[in-house]
Amino acid sequence: MLNKKKTYPYILKFVILTILFIAALYFESAQQQRLFVLIVVFLLFTANNIIKYFINKESKFYCILFIIDLLLIYFLELNSRLLINYFLHSFYIIVLLEASVTLEIKNGIIIGSTAIIVSMIKFAYLIYFKFNISSISQMIFFLIINILVLTVALFAQHNKQEREKKDILYKELLDAHKKLKEYTVEVKRLSIVEERNRIARDIHDNLGHNMTALIMQLQMAEHYIKTDSPKSQELLINSIKTAKDSLSGIREVVETLRETRAIPATDKAIKALAEEFSVKTGIETELNINGKIINNQQASEAIYHILQECLTNAVRHGDATKIWLELDYKNDSVTFNIKDNGTGAENLTEGYGMKGIRERVNDFNGSVEFKSENGFVIEGFILLPEN
């Protein structure tokens, strides 16, 4: 299907060229052979322009067709009875305009300049045969007109190209804005998912840890209720305290919906965790910390919760009576090794607690391994963020 925006200007051009050519023939009063030659050359010129219509403007052959146009126009002038036929001279201006608005600016300048030079040849002959002020002024006048037409056409083409570039840039900006909105929505969604997972881990770590200790205390209280009433009463008191601590822990986790509860980045917090767990459950814990604890809040929280979950798992799943915890702090990493004397696991399946440990380790580009060797072993490391 033909492009109407492209077809209408070509039809208008052919109509104008035909009218100018008929006027040139009338002005020439051409007869017989010369009339035949002029008509044939004009038909070749028309055929060349029809070919130009179907050629891609980006093609090098498209520029060559303009050169052929200029040669055919010059041949028309050579077969003219008059040295200067102003109707035929108008052909140069039309070609010049077309080249300026359809070609790239560089090629438009080349074709336009060539058209001006070729169109000035007849005026050079006029000055040669009839040297006077009138001939010189006539040449200068038409030269200025041609240059002015070329300049205006090139300026219009430059504005057109700049406008097209702006439209393309605007479209790219709209696409980029659309993608940015999509990315923003996706990041927001992932942030919500990550925050939910973090809160779920905190609930599991804190509440699960305390509930495990509470169950142990209640079981021991039940065991001592007949044989050692004071001991049983002490365990019940501790159970009440553990339940209150659990409630407080739930409140703290809910509070993280507004702000994160900070865990002190000191060995005291970790020692307190191990000692408190030992007191609540009656399970012996042996803690060994090597190196100086790095004051990094996020890494400290991760290690704290990893140890918390390891202690809970040792009691809940392994029936351990003793747990060894070892931390090795370095400038760029923290290595942990937790072992218990529990039953271990023949078929190791990662539950929610293990997944939580792995997620925390992955958050710091670390690694963790779960093994069953005369009990259960959890060893791994996390990388400390650069300050």
Protein backbone atom coordinates (compact mmCIF):
# COMPACT_ATOMS: atom_id res chain seq x y z
CA MET A 1 0.00 0.00 0.00
CA LEU A 2 1.36 3.41 -1.01
CA ASN A 3 2.18 5.95 1.63
CA LYS A 4 -0.19 8.90 1.17
CA LYS A 5 2.13 11.30 3.00
CA LYS A 6 4.85 10.42 0.52
CA THR A 7 2.63 10.16 -2.60
CA TYR A 8 0.90 13.56 -2.50
CA PRO A 9 4.13 15.65 -2.56
CA TYR A 10 5.40 13.58 -5.51
CA ILE A 11 2.16 14.09 -7.46
CA LEU A 12 2.32 17.84 -6.73
CA LYS A 13 5.96 17.90 -7.89
CA PHE A 14 5.13 16.14 -11.18
CA VAL A 15 2.23 18.54 -11.84
CA ILE A 16 4.45 21.59 -11.25
CA LEU A 17 7.29 20.16 -13.37
CA THR A 18 4.87 19.34 -16.21
CA ILE A 19 3.42 22.86 -16.15
CA LEU A 20 6.91 24.40 -16.14
CA PHE A 21 8.02 22.14 -18.99
CA ILE A 22 4.97 23.02 -21.14
CA ALA A 23 5.62 26.71 -20.44
CA ALA A 24 9.30 26.21 -21.39
CA LEU A 25 8.28 24.56 -24.69
CA TYR A 26 5.89 27.39 -25.42
CA PHE A 27 8.58 29.92 -24.59
CA GLU A 28 11.04 27.98 -26.75
CA SER A 29 8.73 27.56 -29.74
CA ALA A 30 10.53 24.27 -30.28
CA GLN A 31 9.91 22.44 -33.55
CA GLN A 32 10.36 18.91 -34.89
CA GLN A 33 13.66 17.26 -33.85
CA ARG A 34 14.50 19.64 -30.99
CA LEU A 35 10.96 19.32 -29.64
CA PHE A 36 11.28 15.52 -29.80
CA VAL A 37 14.61 15.62 -27.94
CA LEU A 38 13.25 17.92 -25.22
CA ILE A 39 10.17 15.70 -24.69
CA VAL A 40 12.29 12.51 -24.52
CA VAL A 41 14.70 14.07 -22.03
CA PHE A 42 11.77 15.28 -19.90
CA LEU A 43 10.22 11.79 -19.97
CA LEU A 44 13.57 10.34 -18.83
CA PHE A 45 13.64 12.96 -16.07
CA THR A 46 10.10 11.93 -15.03
CA ALA A 47 11.01 8.21 -15.12
CA ASN A 48 14.07 8.92 -12.96
CA ASN A 49 11.84 10.62 -10.39
CA ILE A 50 9.39 7.71 -10.43
CA ILE A 51 12.29 5.37 -9.67
CA LYS A 52 13.32 7.74 -6.89
CA TYR A 53 9.87 7.31 -5.32
CA PHE A 54 10.40 3.57 -4.82
CA ILE A 55 14.02 3.75 -3.65
CA ASN A 56 14.94 3.79 0.05
CA LYS A 57 16.18 7.24 1.05
CA GLU A 58 18.99 5.67 3.04
CA SER A 59 20.37 3.99 -0.08
CA LYS A 60 23.45 5.43 -1.84
CA PHE A 61 21.65 4.91 -5.16
CA TYR A 62 19.08 7.49 -4.03
CA CYS A 63 21.76 10.22 -4.09
CA ILE A 64 22.92 9.07 -7.54
CA LEU A 65 19.39 9.63 -8.89
CA PHE A 66 19.69 13.30 -7.91
CA ILE A 67 22.92 13.56 -9.91
CA ILE A 68 21.08 12.03 -12.89
CA ASP A 69 18.34 14.65 -12.39
CA LEU A 70 20.91 17.46 -12.66
CA LEU A 71 22.50 15.94 -15.76
CA LEU A 72 19.11 15.63 -17.49
CA ILE A 73 18.17 19.21 -16.59
CA TYR A 74 21.51 20.43 -17.92
CA PHE A 75 20.89 18.42 -21.11
CA LEU A 76 17.50 20.14 -21.44
CA GLU A 77 19.25 23.51 -21.21
CA LEU A 78 21.82 22.46 -23.81
CA ASN A 79 18.99 21.71 -26.25
CA SER A 80 17.24 24.96 -25.46
CA ARG A 81 17.05 27.60 -28.17
CA LEU A 82 17.72 30.26 -25.57
CA LEU A 83 20.85 30.49 -23.45
CA ILE A 84 18.73 31.04 -20.34
CA ASN A 85 15.26 29.55 -20.07
CA TYR A 86 13.93 30.56 -16.67
CA PHE A 87 11.27 27.82 -16.70
CA LEU A 88 13.97 25.16 -17.05
CA HIS A 89 16.07 26.93 -14.42
CA SER A 90 13.20 26.34 -11.95
CA PHE A 91 13.88 22.60 -12.28
CA TYR A 92 17.17 23.13 -10.42
CA ILE A 93 15.37 24.83 -7.53
CA ILE A 94 12.87 21.96 -7.26
CA VAL A 95 15.66 19.36 -7.23
CA LEU A 96 17.59 21.45 -4.73
CA LEU A 97 14.58 21.67 -2.41
CA GLU A 98 13.82 17.96 -2.70
CA ALA A 99 17.42 16.97 -1.95
CA SER A 100 17.57 19.28 1.07
CA VAL A 101 14.42 17.96 2.72
CA THR A 102 14.75 14.23 1.91
CA LEU A 103 18.48 13.57 2.35
CA GLU A 104 20.67 13.76 5.41
CA ILE A 105 22.03 17.26 5.92
CA LYS A 106 25.52 16.33 4.69
CA ASN A 107 24.26 14.73 1.47
CA GLY A 108 21.71 17.53 1.06
CA ILE A 109 24.51 20.12 1.13
CA ILE A 110 26.49 18.15 -1.46
CA ILE A 111 23.58 17.73 -3.90
CA GLY A 112 22.32 21.28 -3.29
CA SER A 113 25.77 22.81 -3.89
CA THR A 114 26.14 20.70 -7.05
CA ALA A 115 22.75 21.93 -8.28
CA ILE A 116 23.78 25.56 -7.70
CA ILE A 117 27.08 25.10 -9.55
CA VAL A 118 25.43 23.36 -12.54
CA SER A 119 22.68 25.99 -12.69
CA MET A 120 25.31 28.77 -12.82
CA ILE A 121 27.05 27.38 -15.93
CA LYS A 122 24.67 29.15 -18.33
CA PHE A 123 25.20 32.44 -16.50
CA ALA A 124 28.94 31.97 -16.88
CA TYR A 125 28.40 31.55 -20.63
CA LEU A 126 26.22 34.67 -20.62
CA ILE A 127 28.97 36.73 -19.01
CA TYR A 128 31.51 35.24 -21.41
CA PHE A 129 29.49 36.17 -24.49
CA LYS A 130 27.99 39.35 -23.13
CA PHE A 131 30.12 40.87 -20.40
CA ASN A 132 28.25 43.71 -18.73
CA ILE A 133 26.78 44.77 -15.41
CA SER A 134 23.36 43.35 -16.31
CA SER A 135 24.76 39.86 -16.94
CA ILE A 136 26.85 39.90 -13.76
CA SER A 137 23.99 41.17 -11.59
CA GLN A 138 21.66 38.57 -13.11
CA MET A 139 24.10 35.79 -12.20
CA ILE A 140 24.60 37.15 -8.68
CA PHE A 141 20.83 37.49 -8.17
CA PHE A 142 20.08 33.88 -9.12
CA LEU A 143 23.10 32.65 -7.16
CA ILE A 144 21.83 34.40 -4.01
CA ILE A 145 18.31 33.03 -4.60
CA ASN A 146 19.63 29.48 -4.95
CA ILE A 147 21.83 29.76 -1.87
CA LEU A 148 18.94 31.24 0.14
CA VAL A 149 16.61 28.41 -0.94
CA LEU A 150 19.26 25.82 -0.02
CA THR A 151 19.88 27.46 3.37
CA VAL A 152 16.18 27.66 4.26
CA ALA A 153 15.57 24.07 3.14
CA LEU A 154 18.54 22.75 5.11
CA PHE A 155 17.45 24.71 8.17
CA ALA A 156 13.95 23.19 7.88
CA GLN A 157 15.47 19.72 7.50
CA HIS A 158 17.67 20.29 10.57
CA ASN A 159 14.65 21.30 12.65
CA LYS A 160 12.74 18.27 11.38
CA GLN A 161 15.55 15.89 12.36
CA GLU A 162 15.93 17.51 15.76
CA ARG A 163 12.19 17.21 16.34
CA GLU A 164 12.31 13.53 15.36
CA LYS A 165 15.21 12.97 17.75
CA LYS A 166 13.27 14.67 20.54
CA ASP A 167 10.22 12.51 19.78
CA ILE A 168 12.35 9.36 19.88
CA LEU A 169 14.01 10.50 23.11
CA TYR A 170 10.63 11.35 24.62
CA LYS A 171 9.30 7.91 23.68
CA GLU A 172 12.39 6.27 25.21
CA LEU A 173 11.90 8.32 28.38
CA LEU A 174 8.25 7.23 28.56
CA ASP A 175 9.31 3.59 28.12
CA ALA A 176 12.02 4.01 30.76
CA HIS A 177 9.50 5.66 33.11
CA LYS A 178 7.07 2.80 32.56
CA LYS A 179 9.78 0.21 33.25
CA LEU A 180 10.91 2.17 36.31
CA LYS A 181 7.35 2.11 37.68
CA GLU A 182 7.20 -1.63 37.05
CA TYR A 183 10.56 -2.10 38.78
CA THR A 184 9.39 0.07 41.68
CA VAL A 185 6.25 -2.03 42.11
CA GLU A 186 8.31 -5.23 41.92
CA VAL A 187 10.90 -3.94 44.42
CA LYS A 188 8.09 -2.88 46.76
CA ARG A 189 6.52 -6.33 46.45
CA LEU A 190 9.83 -8.08 47.10
CA SER A 191 10.52 -5.75 50.04
CA ILE A 192 7.16 -6.68 51.56
CA VAL A 193 7.88 -10.38 51.04
CA GLU A 194 11.35 -10.00 52.53
CA GLU A 195 9.98 -8.09 55.50
CA ARG A 196 7.31 -10.75 56.07
CA ASN A 197 9.95 -13.47 55.94
CA ARG A 198 12.13 -11.53 58.38
CA ILE A 199 9.25 -11.08 60.82
CA ALA A 200 8.33 -14.76 60.43
CA ARG A 201 11.94 -15.72 61.24
CA ASP A 202 11.93 -13.46 64.29
CA ILE A 203 8.68 -14.95 65.55
CA HIS A 204 10.00 -18.46 64.95
CA ASP A 205 13.39 -17.74 66.56
CA ASN A 206 12.24 -15.78 69.59
CA LEU A 207 8.90 -17.41 70.35
CA GLY A 208 10.03 -20.91 69.35
CA HIS A 209 13.11 -20.58 71.54
CA ASN A 210 11.10 -19.53 74.60
CA MET A 211 8.31 -22.05 74.01
CA THR A 212 10.85 -24.86 73.85
CA ALA A 213 12.34 -23.71 77.15
CA LEU A 214 8.83 -23.37 78.65
CA ILE A 215 7.89 -26.93 77.64
CA MET A 216 11.12 -28.25 79.16
CA GLN A 217 10.46 -26.40 82.43
CA LEU A 218 6.89 -27.64 82.65
CA GLN A 219 7.96 -31.22 81.95
CA MET A 220 10.62 -31.03 84.68
CA ALA A 221 8.08 -29.41 87.06
CA GLU A 222 5.72 -32.31 86.37
CA HIS A 223 8.56 -34.72 87.07
CA TYR A 224 9.46 -33.09 90.42
CA ILE A 225 5.90 -32.33 91.58
CA LYS A 226 5.72 -35.54 93.67
CA THR A 227 9.36 -36.02 94.64
CA ASP A 228 10.64 -32.47 95.12
CA SER A 229 7.87 -29.92 95.67
CA PRO A 230 10.18 -26.87 96.19
CA LYS A 231 12.05 -27.70 92.98
CA SER A 232 8.77 -28.09 91.15
CA GLN A 233 7.56 -24.75 92.50
CA GLU A 234 10.79 -23.09 91.38
CA LEU A 235 10.37 -24.52 87.89
CA LEU A 236 6.77 -23.28 87.73
CA ILE A 237 7.90 -19.80 88.73
CA ASN A 238 10.53 -19.92 86.00
CA SER A 239 7.85 -21.13 83.57
CA ILE A 240 5.70 -18.12 84.38
CA LYS A 241 8.69 -15.86 83.80
CA THR A 242 9.41 -17.61 80.49
CA ALA A 243 5.78 -17.19 79.42
CA LYS A 244 5.98 -13.48 80.27
CA ASP A 245 9.23 -13.22 78.32
CA SER A 246 7.51 -14.91 75.38
CA LEU A 247 4.67 -12.41 75.50
CA SER A 248 7.20 -9.60 75.66
CA GLY A 249 8.99 -11.17 72.71
CA ILE A 250 5.77 -11.23 70.69
CA ARG A 251 5.25 -7.56 71.43
CA GLU A 252 8.79 -6.81 70.35
CA VAL A 253 8.31 -8.67 67.07
CA VAL A 254 5.08 -6.77 66.43
CA GLU A 255 7.00 -3.58 67.21
CA THR A 256 9.36 -4.40 64.31
CA LEU A 257 6.51 -3.44 61.99
CA ARG A 258 7.41 0.11 63.00
CA GLU A 259 11.07 -0.18 63.86
CA THR A 260 13.73 -2.88 64.31
CA ARG A 261 14.62 -3.95 67.83
CA ALA A 262 18.37 -3.62 68.19
CA ILE A 263 20.39 -6.47 69.68
CA PRO A 264 23.63 -5.29 71.35
CA ALA A 265 26.73 -6.08 69.30
CA THR A 266 28.66 -7.43 72.30
CA ASP A 267 29.71 -10.82 73.66
CA LYS A 268 27.54 -10.11 76.72
CA ALA A 269 24.33 -10.48 74.72
CA ILE A 270 25.48 -13.82 73.32
CA LYS A 271 26.68 -15.06 76.70
CA ALA A 272 23.39 -13.99 78.28
CA LEU A 273 21.52 -15.93 75.58
CA ALA A 274 23.48 -19.13 76.31
CA GLU A 275 23.25 -18.76 80.11
CA GLU A 276 19.54 -17.94 80.08
CA PHE A 277 18.84 -20.93 77.85
CA SER A 278 20.83 -23.21 80.14
CA VAL A 279 18.94 -21.96 83.20
CA LYS A 280 15.53 -22.37 81.57
CA THR A 281 16.11 -25.82 80.09
CA GLY A 282 18.69 -27.34 82.42
CA ILE A 283 20.89 -28.14 79.41
CA GLU A 284 24.58 -27.46 79.75
CA THR A 285 25.97 -24.94 77.25
CA GLU A 286 29.65 -24.29 76.58
CA LEU A 287 30.36 -21.01 74.77
CA ASN A 288 33.74 -20.09 73.29
CA ILE A 289 34.27 -16.72 71.53
CA ASN A 290 37.55 -16.05 69.69
CA GLY A 291 38.60 -12.67 68.42
CA LYS A 292 37.08 -9.26 68.94
CA ILE A 293 33.41 -8.82 68.16
CA ILE A 294 32.98 -6.39 65.28
CA ASN A 295 30.56 -3.57 66.02
CA ASN A 296 28.16 -4.27 63.16
CA GLN A 297 24.51 -4.22 64.14
CA GLN A 298 23.12 -6.30 61.26
CA ALA A 299 25.82 -8.98 61.50
CA SER A 300 25.41 -9.10 65.28
CA GLU A 301 21.66 -9.68 64.97
CA ALA A 302 22.20 -12.42 62.39
CA ILE A 303 24.71 -14.30 64.61
CA TYR A 304 22.46 -13.86 67.67
CA HIS A 305 19.43 -15.36 65.89
CA ILE A 306 21.50 -18.16 64.35
CA LEU A 307 22.73 -19.23 67.80
CA GLN A 308 19.22 -18.85 69.20
CA GLU A 309 17.78 -21.17 66.55
CA CYS A 310 20.63 -23.68 66.98
CA LEU A 311 19.97 -23.92 70.72
CA THR A 312 16.26 -24.40 70.13
CA ASN A 313 16.76 -27.11 67.50
CA ALA A 314 19.19 -29.03 69.74
CA VAL A 315 16.51 -29.43 72.40
CA ARG A 316 13.40 -29.65 70.25
CA HIS A 317 14.66 -32.18 67.71
CA GLY A 318 17.82 -33.75 69.14
CA ASP A 319 17.06 -34.31 72.83
CA ALA A 320 20.54 -32.96 73.61
CA THR A 321 21.89 -32.56 77.16
CA LYS A 322 24.95 -30.50 76.21
CA ILE A 323 25.64 -27.94 73.50
CA TRP A 324 29.00 -26.51 72.39
CA LEU A 325 29.01 -23.11 70.73
CA GLU A 326 32.10 -21.60 69.13
CA LEU A 327 32.41 -18.21 67.42
CA ASP A 328 35.50 -16.97 65.60
CA TYR A 329 35.52 -13.25 64.79
CA LYS A 330 37.84 -11.90 62.10
CA ASN A 331 38.11 -8.54 60.37
CA ASP A 332 35.96 -9.58 57.41
CA SER A 333 33.97 -12.60 58.61
CA VAL A 334 32.44 -14.49 61.51
CA THR A 335 32.71 -18.28 61.62
CA PHE A 336 30.35 -20.32 63.82
CA ASN A 337 30.34 -23.97 64.89
CA ILE A 338 27.53 -25.39 67.01
CA LYS A 339 27.51 -29.04 68.13
CA ASP A 340 25.31 -31.02 70.48
CA ASN A 341 25.30 -34.57 71.90
CA GLY A 342 21.76 -35.30 70.78
CA THR A 343 20.39 -38.04 68.60
CA GLY A 344 21.24 -36.33 65.32
CA ALA A 345 19.24 -37.12 62.20
CA GLU A 346 19.54 -40.03 59.80
CA ASN A 347 17.48 -38.36 57.07
CA LEU A 348 18.23 -34.67 57.28
CA THR A 349 15.33 -32.48 56.16
CA GLU A 350 15.58 -28.74 56.46
CA GLY A 351 12.66 -27.38 58.42
CA TYR A 352 11.66 -23.78 58.93
CA GLY A 353 14.38 -23.19 61.50
CA MET A 354 17.20 -24.45 59.25
CA LYS A 355 15.81 -22.46 56.34
CA GLY A 356 15.80 -19.37 58.51
CA ILE A 357 19.48 -19.96 59.40
CA ARG A 358 20.37 -20.43 55.74
CA GLU A 359 18.49 -17.26 54.75
CA ARG A 360 20.32 -15.21 57.37
CA VAL A 361 23.67 -16.62 56.20
CA ASN A 362 22.82 -15.95 52.55
CA ASP A 363 21.98 -12.34 53.40
CA PHE A 364 25.67 -11.90 54.23
CA ASN A 365 27.03 -13.92 51.28
CA GLY A 366 28.10 -16.69 53.63
CA SER A 367 27.75 -20.45 53.75
CA VAL A 368 26.30 -22.97 56.19
CA GLU A 369 26.39 -26.76 56.46
CA PHE A 370 24.22 -29.11 58.55
CA LYS A 371 25.72 -32.48 59.57
CA SER A 372 24.78 -35.40 61.78
CA GLU A 373 27.98 -36.63 63.54
CA ASN A 374 27.55 -38.07 67.06
CA GLY A 375 24.85 -35.50 67.50
CA PHE A 376 24.07 -32.56 65.30
CA VAL A 377 26.58 -30.07 63.89
CA ILE A 378 25.93 -26.68 62.31
CA GLU A 379 28.96 -24.87 60.93
CA GLY A 380 29.35 -21.94 58.58
CA PHE A 381 30.37 -18.33 58.24
CA ILE A 382 29.05 -14.91 57.24
CA LEU A 383 30.96 -12.09 55.56
CA LEU A 384 30.98 -8.75 57.33
CA PRO A 385 29.85 -5.74 55.24
CA GLU A 386 32.53 -3.18 54.47
CA ASN A 387 32.23 -0.04 56.55
